[in-house]
């Protein structure tokens, strides 16, 4: 499958990302568009995937955080999530970051398998880290992941 990933800058891209996110994660609160670096994947003339990353202080060190990402259901199973991980990691390295972190729901087997295949390992974050949202640190149901870049 040929997918062209392009940075998303314009205000209309934010609305597009929110629509994609609503399809991929209908039960989750929408992501905050500002403050993250967004990328949209296009198949033909249609947006089918999106992802974002941002720099965060993590256990006292700046790291790249895989903020959000999704692939429309009809396009899953083509390696797009792993490709988006690699795209974001390249941007993180270009910013001089030495590690990438993220989290998954504990029942997200496909995402966890993709993270493991890309070299991520589960870890226990420090008590000040809130990758999974304010007040959600240590809550049952989340797995935190880290990879040295």
Protein backbone atom coordinates (compact mmCIF):
# COMPACT_ATOMS: atom_id res chain seq x y z
CA UNK A 1 0.00 0.00 0.00
CA UNK A 2 1.42 3.36 -1.03
CA UNK A 3 0.90 5.97 1.68
CA UNK A 4 2.37 9.46 1.51
CA UNK A 5 3.08 10.85 4.99
CA UNK A 6 3.18 14.66 5.17
CA UNK A 7 3.55 17.14 8.04
CA UNK A 8 0.28 18.76 9.06
CA UNK A 9 0.54 22.51 9.71
CA UNK A 10 -2.61 24.33 8.66
CA UNK A 11 -5.68 24.89 10.84
CA UNK A 12 -7.81 22.72 8.55
CA UNK A 13 -5.45 19.82 9.23
CA UNK A 14 -6.37 20.02 12.91
CA UNK A 15 -10.02 19.49 12.07
CA UNK A 16 -9.09 16.60 9.77
CA UNK A 17 -6.99 14.99 12.52
CA UNK A 18 -9.85 15.31 15.00
CA UNK A 19 -12.22 13.60 12.53
CA UNK A 20 -9.74 10.75 11.98
CA UNK A 21 -9.19 10.42 15.73
CA UNK A 22 -12.93 10.23 16.35
CA UNK A 23 -13.13 7.25 14.00
CA UNK A 24 -10.06 5.50 15.42
CA UNK A 25 -10.82 6.18 19.09
CA UNK A 26 -14.55 6.91 19.40
CA UNK A 27 -14.59 6.52 23.21
CA UNK A 28 -11.50 8.65 23.97
CA UNK A 29 -11.34 12.37 24.59
CA UNK A 30 -10.00 14.16 21.51
CA UNK A 31 -6.29 14.98 21.42
CA UNK A 32 -4.95 18.49 21.90
CA UNK A 33 -3.68 19.59 18.49
CA UNK A 34 -1.47 22.46 19.69
CA UNK A 35 1.99 21.67 21.03
CA UNK A 36 2.56 18.47 19.04
CA UNK A 37 4.17 17.73 15.69
CA UNK A 38 1.48 16.09 13.51
CA UNK A 39 1.83 13.91 10.42
CA UNK A 40 -1.03 12.74 8.17
CA UNK A 41 -0.82 9.69 5.91
CA UNK A 42 -2.56 9.94 2.55
CA UNK A 43 -3.62 7.07 0.31
CA UNK A 44 -4.60 8.58 -3.02
CA UNK A 45 -6.54 11.70 -2.10
CA UNK A 46 -7.83 10.40 1.22
CA UNK A 47 -6.32 10.80 4.70
CA UNK A 48 -6.13 7.32 6.28
CA UNK A 49 -3.64 7.66 9.16
CA UNK A 50 -2.22 10.27 11.51
CA UNK A 51 0.30 10.51 14.30
CA UNK A 52 1.98 13.06 16.54
CA UNK A 53 4.91 13.43 18.89
CA UNK A 54 6.23 16.07 21.22
CA UNK A 55 9.12 16.66 23.57
CA UNK A 56 8.27 16.10 27.24
CA UNK A 57 10.20 16.09 30.49
CA UNK A 58 10.25 12.48 31.55
CA UNK A 59 11.78 11.51 34.87
CA UNK A 60 13.80 14.73 34.66
CA UNK A 61 15.08 14.24 31.10
CA UNK A 62 13.68 15.56 27.79
CA UNK A 63 12.45 12.68 25.62
CA UNK A 64 10.25 12.23 22.57
CA UNK A 65 6.72 11.18 23.42
CA UNK A 66 4.61 9.33 20.84
CA UNK A 67 1.56 11.42 21.63
CA UNK A 68 -1.18 10.00 19.45
CA UNK A 69 -1.60 7.92 16.33
CA UNK A 70 -4.25 6.03 14.48
CA UNK A 71 -5.01 4.18 11.26
CA UNK A 72 -8.52 3.99 9.86
CA UNK A 73 -9.97 0.49 10.36
CA UNK A 74 -10.09 -0.43 6.64
CA UNK A 75 -6.34 0.30 6.30
CA UNK A 76 -4.99 -1.57 9.32
CA UNK A 77 -2.67 -4.53 8.91
CA UNK A 78 -0.32 -2.90 6.38
CA UNK A 79 2.50 -1.88 8.72
CA UNK A 80 1.45 1.77 8.95
CA UNK A 81 1.71 2.01 12.74
CA UNK A 82 5.31 0.77 12.64
CA UNK A 83 6.10 3.14 9.81
CA UNK A 84 4.68 6.05 11.83
CA UNK A 85 6.80 5.04 14.84
CA UNK A 86 9.92 5.19 12.66
CA UNK A 87 8.95 8.55 11.13
CA UNK A 88 8.50 10.09 14.57
CA UNK A 89 11.72 8.53 15.88
CA UNK A 90 13.67 10.11 12.99
CA UNK A 91 12.21 13.51 13.89
CA UNK A 92 13.06 12.96 17.56
CA UNK A 93 16.67 12.08 16.69
CA UNK A 94 16.88 15.19 14.49
CA UNK A 95 15.87 17.22 17.58
CA UNK A 96 18.71 15.61 19.55
CA UNK A 97 16.53 13.43 21.76
CA UNK A 98 18.07 10.19 23.04
CA UNK A 99 14.92 8.26 23.99
CA UNK A 100 11.30 7.79 22.97
CA UNK A 101 8.44 6.89 25.29
CA UNK A 102 4.76 6.11 24.99
CA UNK A 103 1.99 4.11 26.65
CA UNK A 104 -0.71 1.72 25.53
CA UNK A 105 -3.88 0.35 26.99
CA UNK A 106 -3.11 -3.06 28.49
CA UNK A 107 -5.51 -4.71 26.04
CA UNK A 108 -3.89 -3.13 22.95
CA UNK A 109 -2.17 -6.31 21.74
CA UNK A 110 -1.54 -5.11 18.16
CA UNK A 111 0.05 -1.86 19.34
CA UNK A 112 2.13 -3.66 21.95
CA UNK A 113 3.39 -6.17 19.36
CA UNK A 114 4.35 -3.31 17.03
CA UNK A 115 6.21 -1.49 19.81
CA UNK A 116 8.13 -4.64 20.76
CA UNK A 117 9.01 -5.28 17.10
CA UNK A 118 10.39 -1.73 16.88
CA UNK A 119 12.60 -2.19 19.97
CA UNK A 120 10.42 -0.72 22.73
CA UNK A 121 10.38 -2.33 26.15
CA UNK A 122 7.93 -1.91 29.04
CA UNK A 123 9.17 -0.01 32.07
CA UNK A 124 7.89 1.51 35.29
CA UNK A 125 7.94 5.33 35.10
CA UNK A 126 9.02 7.45 38.03
CA UNK A 127 6.40 8.91 40.37
CA UNK A 128 6.43 12.35 38.69
CA UNK A 129 5.77 10.98 35.20
CA UNK A 130 2.24 11.32 33.84
CA UNK A 131 2.45 10.06 30.25
CA UNK A 132 -0.95 8.45 30.45
CA UNK A 133 -2.60 11.66 31.56
CA UNK A 134 -2.79 13.64 34.75
CA UNK A 135 -3.89 11.38 37.56
CA UNK A 136 -3.64 8.23 35.46
CA UNK A 137 -0.06 7.30 36.35
CA UNK A 138 0.09 3.83 37.76
CA UNK A 139 -3.56 3.21 37.04
CA UNK A 140 -4.25 -0.41 36.18
CA UNK A 141 -4.70 -0.89 32.47
CA UNK A 142 -1.73 1.06 31.06
CA UNK A 143 1.66 -0.18 29.91
CA UNK A 144 4.48 2.37 29.57
CA UNK A 145 7.13 1.82 26.86
CA UNK A 146 10.64 3.18 26.26
CA UNK A 147 13.26 2.93 23.53
CA UNK A 148 16.76 4.38 23.45
CA UNK A 149 17.20 6.20 20.15
